[in-house]
């Protein structure tokens, strides 16, 4: 996927995409490799580095932890609503 395609997909400017990609390379999360055999000298392949994989795993873990907490909260809310509905139904009889 090119930076232009990433920008379009994420609905952000190409400049912002370039800035972010360069920052990820600078931080060591991505490695940029030029396609030497390609006639398009601007063609690069971005590879996730081991450090980038660790960071991605950490972020994924944090994301999943948040989502599991949200799931439990929604589950509690559904159970409370079921109890309220049952009480309302009992009052209606």
N, C-alpha and C. Protein backbone atom coordinates (compact mmCIF):
# COMPACT_ATOMS: atom_id res chain seq x y z
N UNK A 1 0.85 -1.17 0.00
CA UNK A 1 0.00 0.00 0.00
C UNK A 1 0.91 1.24 0.00
N UNK A 2 0.64 2.15 -0.88
CA UNK A 2 1.46 3.35 -0.96
C UNK A 2 1.02 4.35 0.11
N UNK A 3 1.87 5.35 0.35
CA UNK A 3 1.49 6.39 1.31
C UNK A 3 0.24 7.12 0.82
N UNK A 4 0.11 7.30 -0.47
CA UNK A 4 -1.07 7.95 -1.03
C UNK A 4 -2.33 7.12 -0.75
N UNK A 5 -2.21 5.81 -0.89
CA UNK A 5 -3.35 4.92 -0.60
C UNK A 5 -3.69 4.92 0.89
N UNK A 6 -2.65 4.93 1.73
CA UNK A 6 -2.87 4.99 3.18
C UNK A 6 -3.60 6.28 3.54
N UNK A 7 -3.14 7.40 2.96
CA UNK A 7 -3.75 8.70 3.24
C UNK A 7 -5.22 8.69 2.83
N UNK A 8 -5.51 8.17 1.66
CA UNK A 8 -6.89 8.11 1.18
C UNK A 8 -7.74 7.21 2.07
N UNK A 9 -7.20 6.07 2.43
CA UNK A 9 -7.93 5.10 3.27
C UNK A 9 -8.23 5.68 4.65
N UNK A 10 -7.28 6.43 5.21
CA UNK A 10 -7.45 6.99 6.55
C UNK A 10 -8.05 8.39 6.53
N UNK A 11 -8.29 8.92 5.33
CA UNK A 11 -8.87 10.24 5.14
C UNK A 11 -8.03 11.33 5.82
N UNK A 12 -6.71 11.23 5.58
CA UNK A 12 -5.77 12.25 6.08
C UNK A 12 -4.91 12.70 4.92
N UNK A 13 -4.21 13.80 5.10
CA UNK A 13 -3.39 14.33 4.01
C UNK A 13 -2.17 13.44 3.76
N UNK A 14 -1.66 13.53 2.55
CA UNK A 14 -0.45 12.79 2.20
C UNK A 14 0.73 13.27 3.03
N UNK A 15 0.79 14.57 3.28
CA UNK A 15 1.86 15.13 4.11
C UNK A 15 1.85 14.57 5.52
N UNK A 16 0.65 14.46 6.10
CA UNK A 16 0.53 13.90 7.46
C UNK A 16 0.94 12.43 7.46
N UNK A 17 0.53 11.71 6.41
CA UNK A 17 0.90 10.30 6.29
C UNK A 17 2.41 10.16 6.22
N UNK A 18 3.04 10.97 5.37
CA UNK A 18 4.50 10.93 5.22
C UNK A 18 5.19 11.24 6.53
N UNK A 19 4.71 12.26 7.23
CA UNK A 19 5.28 12.65 8.52
C UNK A 19 5.20 11.49 9.52
N UNK A 20 4.03 10.84 9.58
CA UNK A 20 3.85 9.73 10.52
C UNK A 20 4.73 8.53 10.17
N UNK A 21 4.78 8.20 8.88
CA UNK A 21 5.62 7.07 8.45
C UNK A 21 7.08 7.34 8.78
N UNK A 22 7.54 8.55 8.48
CA UNK A 22 8.93 8.90 8.78
C UNK A 22 9.20 8.84 10.28
N UNK A 23 8.22 9.26 11.09
CA UNK A 23 8.38 9.20 12.55
C UNK A 23 8.47 7.76 13.03
N UNK A 24 7.66 6.87 12.43
CA UNK A 24 7.71 5.45 12.81
C UNK A 24 9.05 4.83 12.41
N UNK A 25 9.59 5.24 11.29
CA UNK A 25 10.91 4.76 10.87
C UNK A 25 11.97 5.28 11.84
N UNK A 26 11.88 6.56 12.18
CA UNK A 26 12.85 7.18 13.09
C UNK A 26 12.81 6.52 14.48
N UNK A 27 11.60 6.16 14.95
CA UNK A 27 11.47 5.51 16.26
C UNK A 27 11.94 4.05 16.22
N UNK A 28 12.09 3.51 15.02
CA UNK A 28 12.56 2.13 14.90
C UNK A 28 11.44 1.11 14.81
N UNK A 29 10.21 1.57 14.62
CA UNK A 29 9.08 0.64 14.52
C UNK A 29 8.90 0.11 13.11
N UNK A 30 9.38 0.87 12.13
CA UNK A 30 9.33 0.46 10.72
C UNK A 30 10.72 0.58 10.13
N UNK A 31 10.97 -0.26 9.12
CA UNK A 31 12.19 -0.14 8.36
C UNK A 31 11.77 0.11 6.92
N UNK A 32 12.37 1.09 6.29
CA UNK A 32 12.05 1.42 4.90
C UNK A 32 13.11 0.83 3.99
N UNK A 33 12.67 0.08 3.00
CA UNK A 33 13.60 -0.50 2.02
C UNK A 33 13.20 -0.02 0.64
N UNK A 34 14.17 0.43 -0.11
CA UNK A 34 13.93 0.85 -1.49
C UNK A 34 13.94 -0.38 -2.38
N UNK A 35 13.02 -0.41 -3.33
CA UNK A 35 13.03 -1.49 -4.32
C UNK A 35 14.09 -1.14 -5.36
N UNK A 36 15.26 -1.72 -5.23
CA UNK A 36 16.37 -1.36 -6.10
C UNK A 36 16.11 -1.71 -7.56
N UNK A 37 15.38 -2.76 -7.81
CA UNK A 37 15.11 -3.16 -9.19
C UNK A 37 13.94 -2.41 -9.80
N UNK A 38 13.28 -1.57 -9.03
CA UNK A 38 12.10 -0.86 -9.51
C UNK A 38 12.51 0.43 -10.23
N UNK A 39 11.88 0.69 -11.35
CA UNK A 39 12.16 1.93 -12.09
C UNK A 39 11.66 3.16 -11.33
N UNK A 40 10.65 2.96 -10.48
CA UNK A 40 10.12 4.06 -9.67
C UNK A 40 11.00 4.20 -8.43
N UNK A 41 11.88 5.17 -8.41
CA UNK A 41 12.85 5.32 -7.32
C UNK A 41 12.19 5.74 -6.01
N UNK A 42 10.91 6.10 -6.08
CA UNK A 42 10.21 6.48 -4.85
C UNK A 42 9.49 5.29 -4.22
N UNK A 43 9.63 4.12 -4.81
CA UNK A 43 8.94 2.94 -4.29
C UNK A 43 9.70 2.36 -3.10
N UNK A 44 9.02 2.28 -1.98
CA UNK A 44 9.61 1.74 -0.76
C UNK A 44 8.73 0.64 -0.20
N UNK A 45 9.35 -0.27 0.52
CA UNK A 45 8.63 -1.29 1.26
C UNK A 45 8.88 -1.00 2.73
N UNK A 46 7.82 -0.94 3.52
CA UNK A 46 7.96 -0.69 4.94
C UNK A 46 7.78 -1.99 5.70
N UNK A 47 8.77 -2.30 6.52
CA UNK A 47 8.80 -3.57 7.25
C UNK A 47 8.73 -3.28 8.74
N UNK A 48 7.86 -3.98 9.42
CA UNK A 48 7.75 -3.84 10.88
C UNK A 48 8.99 -4.46 11.51
N UNK A 49 9.69 -3.70 12.33
CA UNK A 49 10.90 -4.19 12.99
C UNK A 49 10.50 -5.00 14.22
N UNK A 50 11.44 -5.76 14.81
CA UNK A 50 11.12 -6.48 16.05
C UNK A 50 10.59 -5.52 17.14
N UNK A 51 11.19 -4.34 17.22
CA UNK A 51 10.72 -3.35 18.19
C UNK A 51 9.29 -2.91 17.85
N UNK A 52 9.01 -2.75 16.55
CA UNK A 52 7.67 -2.39 16.11
C UNK A 52 6.67 -3.48 16.41
N UNK A 53 7.08 -4.72 16.26
CA UNK A 53 6.20 -5.86 16.57
C UNK A 53 5.89 -5.87 18.07
N UNK A 54 6.91 -5.63 18.90
CA UNK A 54 6.68 -5.57 20.35
C UNK A 54 5.68 -4.47 20.70
N UNK A 55 5.86 -3.30 20.10
CA UNK A 55 4.97 -2.17 20.38
C UNK A 55 3.55 -2.48 19.90
N UNK A 56 3.44 -3.10 18.75
CA UNK A 56 2.13 -3.48 18.21
C UNK A 56 1.46 -4.48 19.14
N UNK A 57 2.22 -5.44 19.64
CA UNK A 57 1.67 -6.43 20.57
C UNK A 57 1.23 -5.76 21.86
N UNK A 58 2.03 -4.82 22.36
CA UNK A 58 1.67 -4.11 23.59
C UNK A 58 0.39 -3.31 23.40
N UNK A 59 0.31 -2.59 22.30
CA UNK A 59 -0.88 -1.80 22.01
C UNK A 59 -2.11 -2.69 21.83
N UNK A 60 -1.92 -3.83 21.17
CA UNK A 60 -3.02 -4.77 20.97
C UNK A 60 -3.50 -5.31 22.31
N UNK A 61 -2.56 -5.64 23.19
CA UNK A 61 -2.92 -6.13 24.52
C UNK A 61 -3.72 -5.07 25.29
N UNK A 62 -3.25 -3.83 25.26
CA UNK A 62 -3.97 -2.74 25.94
C UNK A 62 -5.36 -2.54 25.35
N UNK A 63 -5.45 -2.59 24.03
CA UNK A 63 -6.74 -2.44 23.35
C UNK A 63 -7.69 -3.55 23.77
N UNK A 64 -7.21 -4.78 23.76
CA UNK A 64 -8.06 -5.91 24.13
C UNK A 64 -8.49 -5.84 25.58
N UNK A 65 -7.61 -5.38 26.46
CA UNK A 65 -7.94 -5.21 27.87
C UNK A 65 -9.09 -4.21 28.03
N UNK A 66 -9.01 -3.10 27.31
CA UNK A 66 -10.07 -2.09 27.34
C UNK A 66 -11.38 -2.68 26.82
N UNK A 67 -11.30 -3.40 25.70
CA UNK A 67 -12.50 -3.98 25.09
C UNK A 67 -13.13 -5.04 26.00
N UNK A 68 -12.32 -5.83 26.69
CA UNK A 68 -12.86 -6.84 27.62
C UNK A 68 -13.57 -6.15 28.78
N UNK A 69 -13.00 -5.04 29.26
CA UNK A 69 -13.64 -4.28 30.34
C UNK A 69 -14.97 -3.70 29.85
N UNK A 70 -14.98 -3.15 28.64
CA UNK A 70 -16.22 -2.62 28.06
C UNK A 70 -17.26 -3.72 27.94
N UNK A 71 -16.84 -4.89 27.50
CA UNK A 71 -17.75 -6.03 27.35
C UNK A 71 -18.39 -6.39 28.69
N UNK A 72 -17.58 -6.46 29.74
CA UNK A 72 -18.10 -6.80 31.07
C UNK A 72 -19.08 -5.74 31.56
N UNK A 73 -18.79 -4.46 31.30
CA UNK A 73 -19.69 -3.37 31.70
C UNK A 73 -21.02 -3.47 30.95
N UNK A 74 -20.96 -3.75 29.66
CA UNK A 74 -22.19 -3.90 28.87
C UNK A 74 -22.99 -5.10 29.36
N UNK A 75 -22.29 -6.17 29.68
CA UNK A 75 -22.95 -7.38 30.19
C UNK A 75 -23.69 -7.07 31.50
N UNK A 76 -23.04 -6.32 32.39
CA UNK A 76 -23.67 -5.92 33.65
C UNK A 76 -24.91 -5.07 33.38
N UNK A 77 -24.77 -4.14 32.45
CA UNK A 77 -25.89 -3.25 32.11
C UNK A 77 -27.07 -4.05 31.56
N UNK A 78 -26.79 -5.02 30.71
CA UNK A 78 -27.86 -5.87 30.16
C UNK A 78 -28.55 -6.65 31.28
N UNK A 79 -27.76 -7.21 32.19
CA UNK A 79 -28.35 -7.95 33.32
C UNK A 79 -29.21 -7.04 34.19
N UNK A 80 -28.74 -5.82 34.44
CA UNK A 80 -29.53 -4.86 35.23
C UNK A 80 -30.84 -4.52 34.52
N UNK A 81 -30.77 -4.33 33.21
CA UNK A 81 -31.98 -4.04 32.44
C UNK A 81 -32.96 -5.21 32.47
N UNK A 82 -32.42 -6.42 32.41
CA UNK A 82 -33.29 -7.61 32.50
C UNK A 82 -33.99 -7.67 33.85
N UNK A 83 -33.24 -7.35 34.93
CA UNK A 83 -33.84 -7.34 36.27
C UNK A 83 -34.93 -6.27 36.37
N UNK A 84 -34.65 -5.09 35.85
CA UNK A 84 -35.64 -4.02 35.85
C UNK A 84 -36.88 -4.42 35.07
N UNK A 85 -36.67 -5.04 33.92
CA UNK A 85 -37.80 -5.48 33.09
C UNK A 85 -38.63 -6.53 33.82
N UNK A 86 -37.96 -7.44 34.51
CA UNK A 86 -38.68 -8.49 35.26
C UNK A 86 -39.47 -7.86 36.40
N UNK A 87 -38.89 -6.87 37.09
CA UNK A 87 -39.60 -6.18 38.17
C UNK A 87 -40.79 -5.42 37.62
N UNK A 88 -40.64 -4.77 36.50
CA UNK A 88 -41.71 -4.02 35.87
C UNK A 88 -42.84 -4.96 35.48
N UNK A 89 -42.44 -6.12 34.95
CA UNK A 89 -43.43 -7.13 34.53
C UNK A 89 -44.20 -7.64 35.75
N UNK A 90 -43.52 -7.87 36.87
CA UNK A 90 -44.17 -8.33 38.10
C UNK A 90 -45.16 -7.27 38.62
N UNK A 91 -44.81 -6.00 38.54
CA UNK A 91 -45.67 -4.93 39.01
C UNK A 91 -46.92 -4.82 38.14
N UNK A 92 -46.81 -5.19 36.89
CA UNK A 92 -47.93 -5.10 35.94
C UNK A 92 -48.95 -6.21 36.12
N UNK A 93 -48.63 -7.26 36.85
CA UNK A 93 -49.54 -8.40 37.03
C UNK A 93 -50.54 -8.15 38.09
